Amino acid sequence: MKKNHVRDYATAAFRFYACTGSSIKYKKKIYDEAIAQQRRLEGNQGGVSCPTEAAIIHAEDALDAAAAELKDLEAVEKTIAFIERNRDGNNMMKALEMVYMAEPLKNIEWGEISERVHHAEINIPASEKTIYRWLSLAVTTFAKERGLRI
């Protein structure tokens, strides 16, 4: 199969989403880590619920630095919302989770996607061709939502 950079990027984004849970959770994690890091640098000035101005600025800078990741997560969330509104959304989401989102921390080996598709084919009432069509739709939707060239 030829290399498809958009599909690879979308797959990575779906896997990243599976690791983080949502853009809101990821944003909170980045913000909280930046506040904690700045507090350690400042010697823990300010109260628990009262971060210093420097800590807030540091957290906002961290969020700005993570803008690309946040846009990826938001595009995945919009893709999932699109899939869920689809007539076959339930099965499409199962296929997406089984093929692209399963074991997100493990590297995907050569041929593993086709094995996952075959596994999905058995567990979802859909043909291999249908599953690949659903995955293609998810990738295309993600690319449009993310503003990628298709």
N, C-alpha and C. Protein backbone atom coordinates (compact mmCIF):
# COMPACT_ATOMS: atom_id res chain seq x y z
N MET A 1 0.85 -1.17 0.00
CA MET A 1 0.00 0.00 0.00
C MET A 1 0.90 1.24 0.00
N LYS A 2 0.53 2.25 -0.82
CA LYS A 2 1.37 3.44 -0.91
C LYS A 2 1.22 4.29 0.35
N LYS A 3 2.21 5.13 0.58
CA LYS A 3 2.25 6.00 1.75
C LYS A 3 1.21 7.11 1.61
N ASN A 4 0.44 7.32 2.65
CA ASN A 4 -0.57 8.37 2.66
C ASN A 4 -0.33 9.21 3.91
N HIS A 5 0.26 10.39 3.72
CA HIS A 5 0.67 11.21 4.85
C HIS A 5 -0.52 11.75 5.64
N VAL A 6 -1.61 12.08 4.96
CA VAL A 6 -2.79 12.58 5.65
C VAL A 6 -3.37 11.49 6.54
N ARG A 7 -3.45 10.26 6.00
CA ARG A 7 -3.97 9.14 6.79
C ARG A 7 -3.07 8.88 8.00
N ASP A 8 -1.75 8.93 7.79
CA ASP A 8 -0.82 8.70 8.89
C ASP A 8 -0.96 9.78 9.97
N TYR A 9 -1.12 11.03 9.54
CA TYR A 9 -1.30 12.14 10.48
C TYR A 9 -2.60 11.96 11.26
N ALA A 10 -3.67 11.63 10.55
CA ALA A 10 -4.97 11.43 11.20
C ALA A 10 -4.91 10.25 12.18
N THR A 11 -4.26 9.17 11.76
CA THR A 11 -4.12 8.00 12.64
C THR A 11 -3.39 8.40 13.92
N ALA A 12 -2.32 9.16 13.77
CA ALA A 12 -1.57 9.62 14.95
C ALA A 12 -2.46 10.50 15.84
N ALA A 13 -3.29 11.33 15.24
CA ALA A 13 -4.18 12.20 16.01
C ALA A 13 -5.23 11.37 16.75
N PHE A 14 -5.80 10.36 16.10
CA PHE A 14 -6.77 9.50 16.77
C PHE A 14 -6.13 8.75 17.94
N ARG A 15 -4.90 8.31 17.76
CA ARG A 15 -4.18 7.60 18.81
C ARG A 15 -3.85 8.55 19.97
N PHE A 16 -3.47 9.79 19.64
CA PHE A 16 -3.19 10.81 20.65
C PHE A 16 -4.46 11.10 21.45
N TYR A 17 -5.57 11.20 20.76
CA TYR A 17 -6.86 11.41 21.43
C TYR A 17 -7.16 10.25 22.38
N ALA A 18 -6.90 9.04 21.93
CA ALA A 18 -7.16 7.86 22.77
C ALA A 18 -6.30 7.91 24.04
N CYS A 19 -5.11 8.48 23.95
CA CYS A 19 -4.24 8.61 25.12
C CYS A 19 -4.69 9.71 26.07
N THR A 20 -5.14 10.83 25.52
CA THR A 20 -5.43 12.00 26.34
C THR A 20 -6.88 12.07 26.81
N GLY A 21 -7.81 11.56 26.05
CA GLY A 21 -9.20 11.57 26.45
C GLY A 21 -10.03 12.68 25.83
N SER A 22 -9.53 13.91 25.84
CA SER A 22 -10.25 15.03 25.23
C SER A 22 -9.36 16.25 25.21
N SER A 23 -9.75 17.24 24.43
CA SER A 23 -8.98 18.48 24.38
C SER A 23 -9.07 19.22 25.71
N ILE A 24 -10.20 19.13 26.37
CA ILE A 24 -10.37 19.81 27.66
C ILE A 24 -9.44 19.20 28.72
N LYS A 25 -9.40 17.87 28.78
CA LYS A 25 -8.51 17.20 29.73
C LYS A 25 -7.05 17.53 29.44
N TYR A 26 -6.68 17.53 28.15
CA TYR A 26 -5.30 17.81 27.78
C TYR A 26 -4.94 19.26 28.12
N LYS A 27 -5.85 20.18 27.84
CA LYS A 27 -5.62 21.59 28.14
C LYS A 27 -5.44 21.78 29.66
N LYS A 28 -6.27 21.12 30.45
CA LYS A 28 -6.16 21.21 31.90
C LYS A 28 -4.84 20.63 32.38
N LYS A 29 -4.43 19.52 31.80
CA LYS A 29 -3.16 18.88 32.18
C LYS A 29 -1.99 19.82 31.87
N ILE A 30 -1.95 20.40 30.69
CA ILE A 30 -0.88 21.32 30.31
C ILE A 30 -0.86 22.52 31.26
N TYR A 31 -2.03 23.09 31.50
CA TYR A 31 -2.15 24.27 32.36
C TYR A 31 -1.68 23.95 33.78
N ASP A 32 -2.19 22.86 34.34
CA ASP A 32 -1.83 22.49 35.72
C ASP A 32 -0.34 22.19 35.85
N GLU A 33 0.24 21.50 34.87
CA GLU A 33 1.67 21.20 34.92
C GLU A 33 2.50 22.47 34.84
N ALA A 34 2.08 23.42 34.00
CA ALA A 34 2.81 24.68 33.87
C ALA A 34 2.72 25.50 35.16
N ILE A 35 1.55 25.53 35.78
CA ILE A 35 1.39 26.24 37.06
C ILE A 35 2.28 25.61 38.12
N ALA A 36 2.27 24.29 38.21
CA ALA A 36 3.08 23.58 39.20
C ALA A 36 4.57 23.83 38.96
N GLN A 37 4.98 23.80 37.70
CA GLN A 37 6.40 24.04 37.38
C GLN A 37 6.81 25.45 37.78
N GLN A 38 5.97 26.42 37.48
CA GLN A 38 6.30 27.80 37.83
C GLN A 38 6.33 27.99 39.34
N ARG A 39 5.43 27.32 40.04
CA ARG A 39 5.43 27.41 41.51
C ARG A 39 6.72 26.85 42.10
N ARG A 40 7.20 25.74 41.52
CA ARG A 40 8.45 25.17 42.01
C ARG A 40 9.59 26.16 41.79
N LEU A 41 9.59 26.85 40.65
CA LEU A 41 10.62 27.83 40.36
C LEU A 41 10.54 29.05 41.30
N GLU A 42 9.34 29.43 41.68
CA GLU A 42 9.12 30.60 42.53
C GLU A 42 9.27 30.28 44.01
N GLY A 43 9.35 29.03 44.34
CA GLY A 43 9.42 28.66 45.76
C GLY A 43 8.05 28.55 46.38
N ASN A 44 7.04 28.20 45.57
CA ASN A 44 5.68 27.94 46.02
C ASN A 44 5.02 29.16 46.67
N GLN A 45 5.21 30.33 46.09
CA GLN A 45 4.50 31.53 46.55
C GLN A 45 3.05 31.44 46.13
N GLY A 46 2.19 32.13 46.82
CA GLY A 46 0.77 32.12 46.48
C GLY A 46 0.12 30.89 47.07
N GLY A 47 -1.18 30.94 47.19
CA GLY A 47 -1.93 29.82 47.75
C GLY A 47 -2.24 28.77 46.71
N VAL A 48 -2.90 27.71 47.15
CA VAL A 48 -3.26 26.62 46.26
C VAL A 48 -4.18 27.10 45.15
N SER A 49 -5.16 27.92 45.52
CA SER A 49 -6.12 28.39 44.52
C SER A 49 -5.77 29.77 44.00
N CYS A 50 -4.58 30.27 44.33
CA CYS A 50 -4.19 31.61 43.94
C CYS A 50 -2.81 31.60 43.30
N PRO A 51 -2.71 31.18 42.04
CA PRO A 51 -1.40 31.18 41.40
C PRO A 51 -0.93 32.61 41.14
N THR A 52 0.37 32.80 41.11
CA THR A 52 0.92 34.12 40.84
C THR A 52 0.69 34.50 39.39
N GLU A 53 0.86 35.77 39.10
CA GLU A 53 0.69 36.24 37.72
C GLU A 53 1.70 35.57 36.80
N ALA A 54 2.92 35.39 37.29
CA ALA A 54 3.95 34.73 36.48
C ALA A 54 3.55 33.29 36.16
N ALA A 55 2.93 32.62 37.13
CA ALA A 55 2.50 31.23 36.91
C ALA A 55 1.41 31.18 35.85
N ILE A 56 0.49 32.13 35.90
CA ILE A 56 -0.60 32.17 34.91
C ILE A 56 -0.04 32.46 33.53
N ILE A 57 0.88 33.39 33.42
CA ILE A 57 1.51 33.70 32.14
C ILE A 57 2.26 32.49 31.61
N HIS A 58 2.97 31.80 32.49
CA HIS A 58 3.71 30.59 32.09
C HIS A 58 2.74 29.51 31.58
N ALA A 59 1.60 29.37 32.26
CA ALA A 59 0.60 28.38 31.84
C ALA A 59 0.00 28.74 30.49
N GLU A 60 -0.29 30.03 30.28
CA GLU A 60 -0.82 30.46 28.99
C GLU A 60 0.19 30.25 27.87
N ASP A 61 1.47 30.49 28.17
CA ASP A 61 2.52 30.23 27.18
C ASP A 61 2.60 28.74 26.84
N ALA A 62 2.43 27.90 27.86
CA ALA A 62 2.46 26.44 27.63
C ALA A 62 1.29 26.02 26.76
N LEU A 63 0.12 26.62 26.98
CA LEU A 63 -1.04 26.32 26.14
C LEU A 63 -0.81 26.79 24.70
N ASP A 64 -0.19 27.95 24.54
CA ASP A 64 0.13 28.44 23.19
C ASP A 64 1.09 27.48 22.49
N ALA A 65 2.06 26.95 23.24
CA ALA A 65 3.03 26.02 22.66
C ALA A 65 2.38 24.70 22.27
N ALA A 66 1.28 24.37 22.92
CA ALA A 66 0.57 23.11 22.63
C ALA A 66 -0.60 23.33 21.68
N ALA A 67 -0.63 24.45 20.99
CA ALA A 67 -1.77 24.79 20.12
C ALA A 67 -2.01 23.74 19.04
N ALA A 68 -0.97 23.22 18.42
CA ALA A 68 -1.14 22.22 17.36
C ALA A 68 -1.78 20.94 17.90
N GLU A 69 -1.31 20.50 19.06
CA GLU A 69 -1.89 19.30 19.66
C GLU A 69 -3.36 19.53 20.01
N LEU A 70 -3.66 20.70 20.55
CA LEU A 70 -5.05 21.01 20.90
C LEU A 70 -5.93 21.07 19.67
N LYS A 71 -5.42 21.62 18.57
CA LYS A 71 -6.20 21.66 17.33
C LYS A 71 -6.43 20.25 16.79
N ASP A 72 -5.44 19.38 16.93
CA ASP A 72 -5.62 17.98 16.53
C ASP A 72 -6.74 17.33 17.34
N LEU A 73 -6.70 17.52 18.66
CA LEU A 73 -7.71 16.92 19.53
C LEU A 73 -9.10 17.48 19.22
N GLU A 74 -9.19 18.76 18.98
CA GLU A 74 -10.49 19.37 18.65
C GLU A 74 -11.01 18.84 17.32
N ALA A 75 -10.11 18.64 16.34
CA ALA A 75 -10.53 18.07 15.06
C ALA A 75 -11.01 16.64 15.23
N VAL A 76 -10.35 15.86 16.08
CA VAL A 76 -10.80 14.50 16.36
C VAL A 76 -12.18 14.53 17.01
N GLU A 77 -12.38 15.44 17.95
CA GLU A 77 -13.69 15.53 18.62
C GLU A 77 -14.79 15.90 17.63
N LYS A 78 -14.50 16.80 16.70
CA LYS A 78 -15.49 17.16 15.67
C LYS A 78 -15.75 15.98 14.74
N THR A 79 -14.71 15.21 14.45
CA THR A 79 -14.86 14.02 13.61
C THR A 79 -15.74 12.99 14.32
N ILE A 80 -15.51 12.79 15.60
CA ILE A 80 -16.32 11.84 16.36
C ILE A 80 -17.77 12.30 16.41
N ALA A 81 -17.99 13.60 16.60
CA ALA A 81 -19.37 14.13 16.60
C ALA A 81 -20.03 13.89 15.25
N PHE A 82 -19.28 14.07 14.16
CA PHE A 82 -19.80 13.81 12.81
C PHE A 82 -20.16 12.33 12.66
N ILE A 83 -19.26 11.47 13.11
CA ILE A 83 -19.50 10.02 13.00
C ILE A 83 -20.74 9.63 13.79
N GLU A 84 -20.87 10.16 14.99
CA GLU A 84 -22.00 9.79 15.84
C GLU A 84 -23.34 10.23 15.27
N ARG A 85 -23.34 11.28 14.44
CA ARG A 85 -24.58 11.72 13.79
C ARG A 85 -24.91 10.88 12.56
N ASN A 86 -23.98 10.09 12.08
CA ASN A 86 -24.16 9.27 10.89
C ASN A 86 -25.11 8.12 11.19
N ARG A 87 -25.77 7.66 10.15
CA ARG A 87 -26.72 6.54 10.30
C ARG A 87 -26.03 5.31 10.88
N ASP A 88 -24.83 5.01 10.45
CA ASP A 88 -24.07 3.86 10.94
C ASP A 88 -23.04 4.28 12.00
N GLY A 89 -23.29 5.40 12.65
CA GLY A 89 -22.31 5.99 13.57
C GLY A 89 -21.82 5.07 14.66
N ASN A 90 -22.70 4.27 15.22
CA ASN A 90 -22.31 3.38 16.30
C ASN A 90 -21.25 2.38 15.83
N ASN A 91 -21.51 1.75 14.70
CA ASN A 91 -20.55 0.78 14.16
C ASN A 91 -19.30 1.47 13.62
N MET A 92 -19.47 2.66 13.05
CA MET A 92 -18.31 3.41 12.57
C MET A 92 -17.37 3.74 13.73
N MET A 93 -17.94 4.15 14.84
CA MET A 93 -17.14 4.49 16.01
C MET A 93 -16.44 3.26 16.56
N LYS A 94 -17.14 2.13 16.58
CA LYS A 94 -16.51 0.88 17.02
C LYS A 94 -15.31 0.54 16.14
N ALA A 95 -15.49 0.69 14.82
CA ALA A 95 -14.39 0.39 13.89
C ALA A 95 -13.21 1.34 14.13
N LEU A 96 -13.50 2.61 14.29
CA LEU A 96 -12.44 3.59 14.54
C LEU A 96 -11.68 3.25 15.82
N GLU A 97 -12.40 2.92 16.86
CA GLU A 97 -11.77 2.56 18.13
C GLU A 97 -10.96 1.27 18.02
N MET A 98 -11.51 0.27 17.32
CA MET A 98 -10.82 -1.01 17.22
C MET A 98 -9.58 -0.95 16.34
N VAL A 99 -9.62 -0.11 15.30
CA VAL A 99 -8.50 -0.08 14.35
C VAL A 99 -7.47 0.99 14.72
N TYR A 100 -7.90 2.22 14.93
CA TYR A 100 -6.93 3.31 15.13
C TYR A 100 -6.68 3.65 16.59
N MET A 101 -7.64 3.39 17.48
CA MET A 101 -7.49 3.85 18.85
C MET A 101 -7.10 2.76 19.84
N ALA A 102 -7.07 1.52 19.41
CA ALA A 102 -6.68 0.42 20.29
C ALA A 102 -5.19 0.49 20.58
N GLU A 103 -4.84 0.27 21.82
CA GLU A 103 -3.43 0.27 22.26
C GLU A 103 -2.67 1.48 21.72
N PRO A 104 -3.07 2.70 22.09
CA PRO A 104 -2.47 3.89 21.50
C PRO A 104 -1.01 4.14 21.86
N LEU A 105 -0.53 3.55 22.94
CA LEU A 105 0.86 3.76 23.34
C LEU A 105 1.82 2.79 22.65
N LYS A 106 1.29 1.75 22.05
CA LYS A 106 2.10 0.73 21.38
C LYS A 106 2.31 1.14 19.92
N ASN A 107 3.53 0.99 19.43
CA ASN A 107 3.81 1.28 18.02
C ASN A 107 3.04 0.30 17.13
N ILE A 108 2.53 0.83 16.03
CA ILE A 108 1.81 -0.02 15.08
C ILE A 108 2.84 -0.69 14.17
N GLU A 109 2.79 -1.99 14.14
CA GLU A 109 3.70 -2.77 13.30
C GLU A 109 3.16 -2.86 11.87
N TRP A 110 4.03 -3.19 10.94
CA TRP A 110 3.62 -3.35 9.55
C TRP A 110 2.57 -4.46 9.47
N GLY A 111 1.46 -4.20 8.82
CA GLY A 111 0.39 -5.18 8.65
C GLY A 111 -0.60 -5.24 9.79
N GLU A 112 -0.33 -4.50 10.86
CA GLU A 112 -1.21 -4.56 12.03
C GLU A 112 -2.57 -3.92 11.77
N ILE A 113 -2.61 -2.87 10.97
CA ILE A 113 -3.88 -2.22 10.66
C ILE A 113 -4.81 -3.21 9.95
N SER A 114 -4.29 -3.93 8.97
CA SER A 114 -5.15 -4.89 8.26
C SER A 114 -5.62 -6.01 9.20
N GLU A 115 -4.78 -6.39 10.16
CA GLU A 115 -5.20 -7.38 11.16
C GLU A 115 -6.32 -6.82 12.03
N ARG A 116 -6.19 -5.57 12.41
CA ARG A 116 -7.22 -4.93 13.22
C ARG A 116 -8.53 -4.79 12.44
N VAL A 117 -8.41 -4.47 11.16
CA VAL A 117 -9.61 -4.37 10.32
C VAL A 117 -10.29 -5.73 10.24
N HIS A 118 -9.51 -6.78 10.07
CA HIS A 118 -10.08 -8.13 10.02
C HIS A 118 -10.77 -8.47 11.34
N HIS A 119 -10.14 -8.11 12.45
CA HIS A 119 -10.74 -8.33 13.77
C HIS A 119 -12.06 -7.55 13.89
N ALA A 120 -12.06 -6.30 13.42
CA ALA A 120 -13.28 -5.47 13.46
C ALA A 120 -14.37 -6.07 12.58
N GLU A 121 -13.96 -6.60 11.44
CA GLU A 121 -14.90 -7.22 10.49
C GLU A 121 -15.66 -8.36 11.16
N ILE A 122 -14.96 -9.10 11.99
CA ILE A 122 -15.57 -10.24 12.68
C ILE A 122 -16.51 -9.77 13.79
N ASN A 123 -16.13 -8.69 14.48
CA ASN A 123 -16.88 -8.24 15.65
C ASN A 123 -17.95 -7.19 15.36
N ILE A 124 -17.91 -6.60 14.19
CA ILE A 124 -18.91 -5.61 13.80
C ILE A 124 -19.64 -6.19 12.59
N PRO A 125 -20.91 -6.07 12.51
CA PRO A 125 -21.59 -6.58 11.32
C PRO A 125 -21.32 -5.69 10.11
N ALA A 126 -20.10 -5.81 9.57
CA ALA A 126 -19.71 -5.02 8.40
C ALA A 126 -18.59 -5.74 7.66
N SER A 127 -18.53 -5.52 6.37
CA SER A 127 -17.49 -6.14 5.56
C SER A 127 -16.18 -5.36 5.71
N GLU A 128 -15.10 -5.98 5.29
CA GLU A 128 -13.80 -5.33 5.31
C GLU A 128 -13.83 -4.04 4.49
N LYS A 129 -14.45 -4.11 3.33
CA LYS A 129 -14.56 -2.94 2.45
C LYS A 129 -15.31 -1.80 3.15
N THR A 130 -16.37 -2.13 3.84
CA THR A 130 -17.15 -1.12 4.56
C THR A 130 -16.33 -0.49 5.67
N ILE A 131 -15.59 -1.29 6.40
CA ILE A 131 -14.76 -0.77 7.48
C ILE A 131 -13.70 0.17 6.94
N TYR A 132 -13.04 -0.21 5.84
CA TYR A 132 -12.06 0.68 5.23
C TYR A 132 -12.73 1.97 4.74
N ARG A 133 -13.95 1.88 4.23
CA ARG A 133 -14.67 3.07 3.79
C ARG A 133 -14.96 3.99 4.97
N TRP A 134 -15.39 3.41 6.09
CA TRP A 134 -15.65 4.19 7.29
C TRP A 134 -14.38 4.87 7.80
N LEU A 135 -13.28 4.13 7.80
CA LEU A 135 -12.01 4.71 8.26
C LEU A 135 -11.57 5.83 7.34
N SER A 136 -11.77 5.65 6.05
CA SER A 136 -11.43 6.69 5.09
C SER A 136 -12.27 7.94 5.32
N LEU A 137 -13.55 7.75 5.60
CA LEU A 137 -14.43 8.87 5.90
C LEU A 137 -13.96 9.60 7.16
N ALA A 138 -13.57 8.86 8.17
CA ALA A 138 -13.07 9.47 9.41
C ALA A 138 -11.80 10.27 9.14
N VAL A 139 -10.89 9.72 8.35
CA VAL A 139 -9.64 10.42 8.02
C VAL A 139 -9.93 11.68 7.22
N THR A 140 -10.79 11.60 6.24
CA THR A 140 -11.14 12.75 5.41
C THR A 140 -11.82 13.82 6.24
N THR A 141 -12.73 13.42 7.11
CA THR A 141 -13.42 14.38 7.98
C THR A 141 -12.43 15.06 8.91
N PHE A 142 -11.52 14.28 9.49
CA PHE A 142 -10.49 14.85 10.36
C PHE A 142 -9.67 15.87 9.58
N ALA A 143 -9.23 15.50 8.38
CA ALA A 143 -8.39 16.39 7.58
C ALA A 143 -9.11 17.70 7.27
N LYS A 144 -10.37 17.62 6.95
CA LYS A 144 -11.16 18.84 6.69
C LYS A 144 -11.29 19.68 7.94
N GLU A 145 -11.61 19.05 9.06
CA GLU A 145 -11.76 19.77 10.33
C GLU A 145 -10.45 20.41 10.78
N ARG A 146 -9.35 19.74 10.48
CA ARG A 146 -8.03 20.24 10.89
C ARG A 146 -7.47 21.26 9.90
N GLY A 147 -8.08 21.33 8.72
CA GLY A 147 -7.62 22.27 7.71
C GLY A 147 -6.42 21.77 6.92
N LEU A 148 -6.31 20.46 6.77
CA LEU A 148 -5.20 19.86 6.03
C LEU A 148 -5.53 19.81 4.53
N ARG A 149 -4.49 19.82 3.72
CA ARG A 149 -4.69 19.62 2.29
C ARG A 149 -5.02 18.16 2.05
N ILE A 150 -6.07 17.94 1.27
CA ILE A 150 -6.49 16.55 0.99
C ILE A 150 -6.09 16.20 -0.42
